[in-house]
Amino acid sequence: MSTSEIATVLAWYDALNERDFDTLVALSSDDIEIGDADGAAQGHAALREWAEQAGVRIETGRMYVHDGVVVAEELGGDPGAVASASAFRVVHDCVTSVFHHGDLASALAATELTEKDLKS
């Protein structure tokens, strides 16, 4: 099942990067929760609004997965930049929540994933 969960998250990032908001929404549950340290929102309308305003392009690095939780390292564009990370909950090939963390260590701690959950 972990391959499917990682594939779902990678497809989600691809849709975000390509600004394909219809696919992004299709890969997300109706009640998706999106958030970061500043707050959270819920639902397809909130996801679409965030994605349209964000205008980001994210390159993923290391991926960790266990029991439907995926942590994806998000690489910065500048050499030496600190990588951030997002924690996803994936259920039946659908993202039900995504929470952005300022760094990989915080995302791993919040999800209780460890290096043993790293996928190559």
N, C-alpha and C. Protein backbone atom coordinates (compact mmCIF):
# COMPACT_ATOMS: atom_id res chain seq x y z
N MET A 1 0.82 -1.19 0.00
CA MET A 1 0.00 0.00 0.00
C MET A 1 0.87 1.26 0.00
N SER A 2 2.08 1.24 0.52
CA SER A 2 2.90 2.45 0.61
C SER A 2 3.24 3.01 -0.76
N THR A 3 3.39 2.15 -1.77
CA THR A 3 3.68 2.63 -3.12
C THR A 3 2.51 3.48 -3.61
N SER A 4 1.29 3.04 -3.38
CA SER A 4 0.10 3.77 -3.78
C SER A 4 0.02 5.12 -3.06
N GLU A 5 0.34 5.13 -1.78
CA GLU A 5 0.28 6.37 -1.00
C GLU A 5 1.31 7.38 -1.50
N ILE A 6 2.51 6.92 -1.78
CA ILE A 6 3.55 7.80 -2.31
C ILE A 6 3.16 8.29 -3.70
N ALA A 7 2.62 7.41 -4.53
CA ALA A 7 2.19 7.80 -5.88
C ALA A 7 1.10 8.87 -5.81
N THR A 8 0.20 8.74 -4.86
CA THR A 8 -0.86 9.73 -4.69
C THR A 8 -0.27 11.08 -4.32
N VAL A 9 0.67 11.10 -3.39
CA VAL A 9 1.30 12.37 -2.97
C VAL A 9 2.09 12.97 -4.12
N LEU A 10 2.82 12.16 -4.86
CA LEU A 10 3.59 12.68 -6.00
C LEU A 10 2.66 13.24 -7.08
N ALA A 11 1.54 12.58 -7.32
CA ALA A 11 0.57 13.09 -8.29
C ALA A 11 -0.03 14.41 -7.80
N TRP A 12 -0.25 14.52 -6.50
CA TRP A 12 -0.77 15.74 -5.89
C TRP A 12 0.20 16.89 -6.12
N TYR A 13 1.50 16.64 -5.85
CA TYR A 13 2.53 17.67 -6.10
C TYR A 13 2.59 18.03 -7.58
N ASP A 14 2.52 17.03 -8.46
CA ASP A 14 2.55 17.30 -9.90
C ASP A 14 1.41 18.23 -10.30
N ALA A 15 0.21 17.94 -9.81
CA ALA A 15 -0.95 18.78 -10.12
C ALA A 15 -0.75 20.20 -9.58
N LEU A 16 -0.22 20.32 -8.38
CA LEU A 16 0.05 21.64 -7.81
C LEU A 16 1.08 22.39 -8.64
N ASN A 17 2.17 21.73 -8.99
CA ASN A 17 3.23 22.36 -9.77
C ASN A 17 2.76 22.79 -11.16
N GLU A 18 1.87 22.01 -11.75
CA GLU A 18 1.37 22.30 -13.09
C GLU A 18 0.16 23.24 -13.06
N ARG A 19 -0.25 23.61 -11.84
CA ARG A 19 -1.42 24.47 -11.65
C ARG A 19 -2.68 23.82 -12.25
N ASP A 20 -2.73 22.50 -12.15
CA ASP A 20 -3.87 21.73 -12.61
C ASP A 20 -4.80 21.54 -11.40
N PHE A 21 -5.58 22.57 -11.13
CA PHE A 21 -6.38 22.59 -9.91
C PHE A 21 -7.50 21.55 -9.92
N ASP A 22 -8.03 21.21 -11.09
CA ASP A 22 -9.06 20.18 -11.15
C ASP A 22 -8.51 18.83 -10.71
N THR A 23 -7.30 18.49 -11.17
CA THR A 23 -6.68 17.22 -10.75
C THR A 23 -6.32 17.27 -9.28
N LEU A 24 -5.82 18.40 -8.80
CA LEU A 24 -5.47 18.56 -7.39
C LEU A 24 -6.70 18.28 -6.52
N VAL A 25 -7.82 18.86 -6.90
CA VAL A 25 -9.07 18.64 -6.16
C VAL A 25 -9.51 17.18 -6.27
N ALA A 26 -9.38 16.58 -7.44
CA ALA A 26 -9.79 15.19 -7.64
C ALA A 26 -8.96 14.23 -6.79
N LEU A 27 -7.73 14.58 -6.50
CA LEU A 27 -6.85 13.75 -5.68
C LEU A 27 -7.06 13.98 -4.18
N SER A 28 -7.98 14.87 -3.83
CA SER A 28 -8.19 15.27 -2.44
C SER A 28 -9.61 14.96 -2.00
N SER A 29 -9.77 14.56 -0.74
CA SER A 29 -11.10 14.27 -0.21
C SER A 29 -11.92 15.56 -0.14
N ASP A 30 -13.24 15.40 -0.12
CA ASP A 30 -14.14 16.56 -0.06
C ASP A 30 -13.85 17.44 1.15
N ASP A 31 -13.45 16.81 2.25
CA ASP A 31 -13.22 17.55 3.49
C ASP A 31 -11.73 17.67 3.82
N ILE A 32 -10.88 17.73 2.78
CA ILE A 32 -9.43 17.83 2.99
C ILE A 32 -9.12 18.97 3.96
N GLU A 33 -8.18 18.70 4.83
CA GLU A 33 -7.68 19.72 5.75
C GLU A 33 -6.30 20.14 5.27
N ILE A 34 -6.08 21.44 5.13
CA ILE A 34 -4.77 21.97 4.76
C ILE A 34 -4.36 22.97 5.83
N GLY A 35 -3.08 22.94 6.19
CA GLY A 35 -2.66 23.87 7.23
C GLY A 35 -1.17 23.99 7.37
N ASP A 36 -0.81 24.91 8.25
CA ASP A 36 0.58 25.13 8.66
C ASP A 36 0.54 25.74 10.05
N ALA A 37 1.66 26.23 10.52
CA ALA A 37 1.73 26.76 11.88
C ALA A 37 0.84 27.99 12.07
N ASP A 38 0.43 28.63 10.98
CA ASP A 38 -0.40 29.84 11.07
C ASP A 38 -1.89 29.57 11.04
N GLY A 39 -2.28 28.34 10.77
CA GLY A 39 -3.71 28.04 10.75
C GLY A 39 -4.05 26.93 9.79
N ALA A 40 -5.34 26.67 9.68
CA ALA A 40 -5.80 25.58 8.83
C ALA A 40 -7.12 25.96 8.17
N ALA A 41 -7.42 25.23 7.11
CA ALA A 41 -8.69 25.41 6.40
C ALA A 41 -9.14 24.02 5.94
N GLN A 42 -10.39 23.95 5.52
CA GLN A 42 -10.94 22.64 5.17
C GLN A 42 -11.79 22.75 3.91
N GLY A 43 -11.71 21.71 3.08
CA GLY A 43 -12.59 21.59 1.92
C GLY A 43 -11.93 21.94 0.61
N HIS A 44 -12.60 21.52 -0.47
CA HIS A 44 -12.08 21.75 -1.81
C HIS A 44 -11.94 23.24 -2.15
N ALA A 45 -12.89 24.06 -1.73
CA ALA A 45 -12.82 25.49 -2.03
C ALA A 45 -11.58 26.11 -1.38
N ALA A 46 -11.30 25.74 -0.15
CA ALA A 46 -10.12 26.27 0.55
C ALA A 46 -8.83 25.78 -0.11
N LEU A 47 -8.81 24.51 -0.53
CA LEU A 47 -7.64 23.97 -1.22
C LEU A 47 -7.39 24.72 -2.52
N ARG A 48 -8.42 24.89 -3.32
CA ARG A 48 -8.28 25.58 -4.60
C ARG A 48 -7.81 27.02 -4.39
N GLU A 49 -8.39 27.70 -3.43
CA GLU A 49 -7.98 29.09 -3.15
C GLU A 49 -6.51 29.15 -2.74
N TRP A 50 -6.11 28.25 -1.84
CA TRP A 50 -4.71 28.23 -1.41
C TRP A 50 -3.79 27.95 -2.60
N ALA A 51 -4.11 26.95 -3.39
CA ALA A 51 -3.25 26.55 -4.51
C ALA A 51 -3.14 27.68 -5.54
N GLU A 52 -4.24 28.35 -5.83
CA GLU A 52 -4.22 29.45 -6.79
C GLU A 52 -3.36 30.61 -6.31
N GLN A 53 -3.42 30.88 -5.01
CA GLN A 53 -2.65 32.00 -4.45
C GLN A 53 -1.20 31.64 -4.20
N ALA A 54 -0.92 30.39 -3.92
CA ALA A 54 0.44 29.99 -3.53
C ALA A 54 1.44 30.19 -4.66
N GLY A 55 1.07 29.80 -5.86
CA GLY A 55 1.97 29.95 -7.00
C GLY A 55 3.35 29.35 -6.77
N VAL A 56 3.40 28.21 -6.13
CA VAL A 56 4.68 27.58 -5.80
C VAL A 56 5.01 26.46 -6.78
N ARG A 57 6.27 26.13 -6.83
CA ARG A 57 6.74 24.95 -7.56
C ARG A 57 7.61 24.18 -6.57
N ILE A 58 7.19 22.96 -6.24
CA ILE A 58 7.85 22.20 -5.18
C ILE A 58 8.56 20.99 -5.76
N GLU A 59 9.82 20.86 -5.41
CA GLU A 59 10.61 19.67 -5.75
C GLU A 59 10.70 18.82 -4.49
N THR A 60 10.34 17.55 -4.62
CA THR A 60 10.38 16.67 -3.45
C THR A 60 11.74 16.00 -3.31
N GLY A 61 12.08 15.72 -2.08
CA GLY A 61 13.30 14.98 -1.75
C GLY A 61 12.92 13.65 -1.15
N ARG A 62 13.41 13.38 0.04
CA ARG A 62 13.14 12.10 0.70
C ARG A 62 11.65 11.97 1.04
N MET A 63 11.18 10.74 1.00
CA MET A 63 9.78 10.45 1.31
C MET A 63 9.74 9.37 2.40
N TYR A 64 8.89 9.56 3.35
CA TYR A 64 8.70 8.62 4.47
C TYR A 64 7.24 8.21 4.46
N VAL A 65 6.96 6.95 4.74
CA VAL A 65 5.57 6.49 4.72
C VAL A 65 5.36 5.38 5.74
N HIS A 66 4.19 5.43 6.40
CA HIS A 66 3.78 4.37 7.32
C HIS A 66 2.30 4.54 7.62
N ASP A 67 1.54 3.47 7.42
CA ASP A 67 0.11 3.43 7.78
C ASP A 67 -0.68 4.63 7.27
N GLY A 68 -0.53 4.98 6.01
CA GLY A 68 -1.32 6.04 5.42
C GLY A 68 -0.78 7.45 5.64
N VAL A 69 0.32 7.56 6.36
CA VAL A 69 0.95 8.87 6.58
C VAL A 69 2.19 8.96 5.70
N VAL A 70 2.29 10.05 4.97
CA VAL A 70 3.45 10.30 4.11
C VAL A 70 4.04 11.64 4.49
N VAL A 71 5.34 11.66 4.74
CA VAL A 71 6.06 12.93 4.93
C VAL A 71 6.96 13.10 3.73
N ALA A 72 6.83 14.25 3.08
CA ALA A 72 7.61 14.56 1.90
C ALA A 72 8.51 15.75 2.18
N GLU A 73 9.80 15.53 2.00
CA GLU A 73 10.76 16.63 2.12
C GLU A 73 10.57 17.53 0.90
N GLU A 74 10.55 18.84 1.14
CA GLU A 74 10.39 19.83 0.07
C GLU A 74 11.68 20.62 -0.02
N LEU A 75 12.37 20.46 -1.15
CA LEU A 75 13.69 21.05 -1.32
C LEU A 75 13.59 22.52 -1.72
N GLY A 76 14.46 23.33 -1.13
CA GLY A 76 14.54 24.75 -1.49
C GLY A 76 15.31 24.91 -2.78
N GLY A 77 15.06 25.98 -3.48
CA GLY A 77 15.71 26.22 -4.75
C GLY A 77 17.15 26.68 -4.63
N ASP A 78 17.53 27.23 -3.49
CA ASP A 78 18.88 27.76 -3.31
C ASP A 78 19.78 26.73 -2.64
N PRO A 79 21.05 26.62 -3.11
CA PRO A 79 21.98 25.71 -2.44
C PRO A 79 22.14 26.12 -0.96
N GLY A 80 22.09 25.16 -0.10
CA GLY A 80 22.23 25.42 1.32
C GLY A 80 20.94 25.85 2.00
N ALA A 81 19.86 26.01 1.24
CA ALA A 81 18.58 26.40 1.83
C ALA A 81 18.05 25.25 2.68
N VAL A 82 17.39 25.58 3.77
CA VAL A 82 16.81 24.57 4.64
C VAL A 82 15.57 23.99 3.96
N ALA A 83 15.50 22.69 3.90
CA ALA A 83 14.34 22.02 3.32
C ALA A 83 13.18 22.07 4.30
N SER A 84 12.00 22.28 3.77
CA SER A 84 10.80 22.18 4.57
C SER A 84 10.18 20.80 4.29
N ALA A 85 9.01 20.55 4.82
CA ALA A 85 8.36 19.26 4.60
C ALA A 85 6.86 19.40 4.81
N SER A 86 6.12 18.49 4.21
CA SER A 86 4.68 18.42 4.44
C SER A 86 4.32 17.00 4.84
N ALA A 87 3.35 16.91 5.75
CA ALA A 87 2.83 15.63 6.21
C ALA A 87 1.45 15.43 5.62
N PHE A 88 1.25 14.30 4.96
CA PHE A 88 -0.01 13.97 4.31
C PHE A 88 -0.65 12.78 5.00
N ARG A 89 -1.97 12.75 4.98
CA ARG A 89 -2.73 11.55 5.33
C ARG A 89 -3.41 11.13 4.03
N VAL A 90 -3.19 9.88 3.62
CA VAL A 90 -3.76 9.35 2.39
C VAL A 90 -4.65 8.16 2.72
N VAL A 91 -5.90 8.22 2.27
CA VAL A 91 -6.86 7.15 2.50
C VAL A 91 -7.49 6.80 1.15
N HIS A 92 -7.38 5.54 0.75
CA HIS A 92 -7.96 5.07 -0.51
C HIS A 92 -7.53 5.96 -1.68
N ASP A 93 -6.23 6.21 -1.78
CA ASP A 93 -5.64 7.00 -2.87
C ASP A 93 -6.18 8.42 -2.94
N CYS A 94 -6.52 8.97 -1.80
CA CYS A 94 -7.07 10.32 -1.74
C CYS A 94 -6.40 11.05 -0.56
N VAL A 95 -5.89 12.26 -0.81
CA VAL A 95 -5.28 13.05 0.26
C VAL A 95 -6.40 13.61 1.13
N THR A 96 -6.37 13.28 2.42
CA THR A 96 -7.39 13.77 3.34
C THR A 96 -6.88 14.93 4.18
N SER A 97 -5.55 15.06 4.29
CA SER A 97 -4.98 16.21 4.99
C SER A 97 -3.54 16.42 4.57
N VAL A 98 -3.13 17.67 4.62
CA VAL A 98 -1.74 18.04 4.36
C VAL A 98 -1.40 19.19 5.29
N PHE A 99 -0.29 19.04 6.00
CA PHE A 99 0.15 20.06 6.95
C PHE A 99 1.60 20.39 6.66
N HIS A 100 1.88 21.65 6.39
CA HIS A 100 3.23 22.08 6.05
C HIS A 100 4.02 22.39 7.33
N HIS A 101 5.26 21.89 7.37
CA HIS A 101 6.17 22.12 8.49
C HIS A 101 7.40 22.88 8.00
N GLY A 102 8.00 23.65 8.86
CA GLY A 102 9.17 24.44 8.49
C GLY A 102 10.41 23.63 8.19
N ASP A 103 10.46 22.40 8.69
CA ASP A 103 11.61 21.54 8.41
C ASP A 103 11.20 20.07 8.51
N LEU A 104 12.04 19.22 7.97
CA LEU A 104 11.77 17.79 7.94
C LEU A 104 11.66 17.20 9.35
N ALA A 105 12.55 17.61 10.23
CA ALA A 105 12.54 17.06 11.59
C ALA A 105 11.19 17.31 12.28
N SER A 106 10.63 18.49 12.10
CA SER A 106 9.33 18.81 12.71
C SER A 106 8.22 17.94 12.15
N ALA A 107 8.25 17.73 10.84
CA ALA A 107 7.22 16.89 10.22
C ALA A 107 7.32 15.45 10.70
N LEU A 108 8.54 14.95 10.80
CA LEU A 108 8.72 13.58 11.29
C LEU A 108 8.29 13.46 12.74
N ALA A 109 8.63 14.43 13.57
CA ALA A 109 8.24 14.39 14.98
C ALA A 109 6.72 14.45 15.13
N ALA A 110 6.07 15.29 14.33
CA ALA A 110 4.62 15.44 14.43
C ALA A 110 3.88 14.17 14.02
N THR A 111 4.46 13.41 13.12
CA THR A 111 3.82 12.20 12.61
C THR A 111 4.35 10.92 13.26
N GLU A 112 5.39 11.06 14.06
CA GLU A 112 6.06 9.93 14.71
C GLU A 112 6.70 8.98 13.70
N LEU A 113 7.01 9.49 12.50
CA LEU A 113 7.77 8.69 11.54
C LEU A 113 9.25 8.84 11.83
N THR A 114 10.02 7.83 11.44
CA THR A 114 11.46 7.84 11.71
C THR A 114 12.20 7.43 10.43
N GLU A 115 13.50 7.37 10.54
CA GLU A 115 14.34 6.97 9.40
C GLU A 115 13.98 5.57 8.89
N LYS A 116 13.45 4.71 9.77
CA LYS A 116 13.04 3.37 9.32
C LYS A 116 11.88 3.42 8.35
N ASP A 117 11.17 4.56 8.28
CA ASP A 117 10.04 4.73 7.37
C ASP A 117 10.44 5.37 6.04
N LEU A 118 11.73 5.64 5.88
CA LEU A 118 12.24 6.24 4.65
C LEU A 118 12.11 5.25 3.49
N LYS A 119 11.57 5.74 2.39
CA LYS A 119 11.45 4.92 1.17
C LYS A 119 12.47 5.39 0.16
N SER A 120 13.09 4.44 -0.52
CA SER A 120 14.09 4.83 -1.51
C SER A 120 13.52 4.84 -2.90
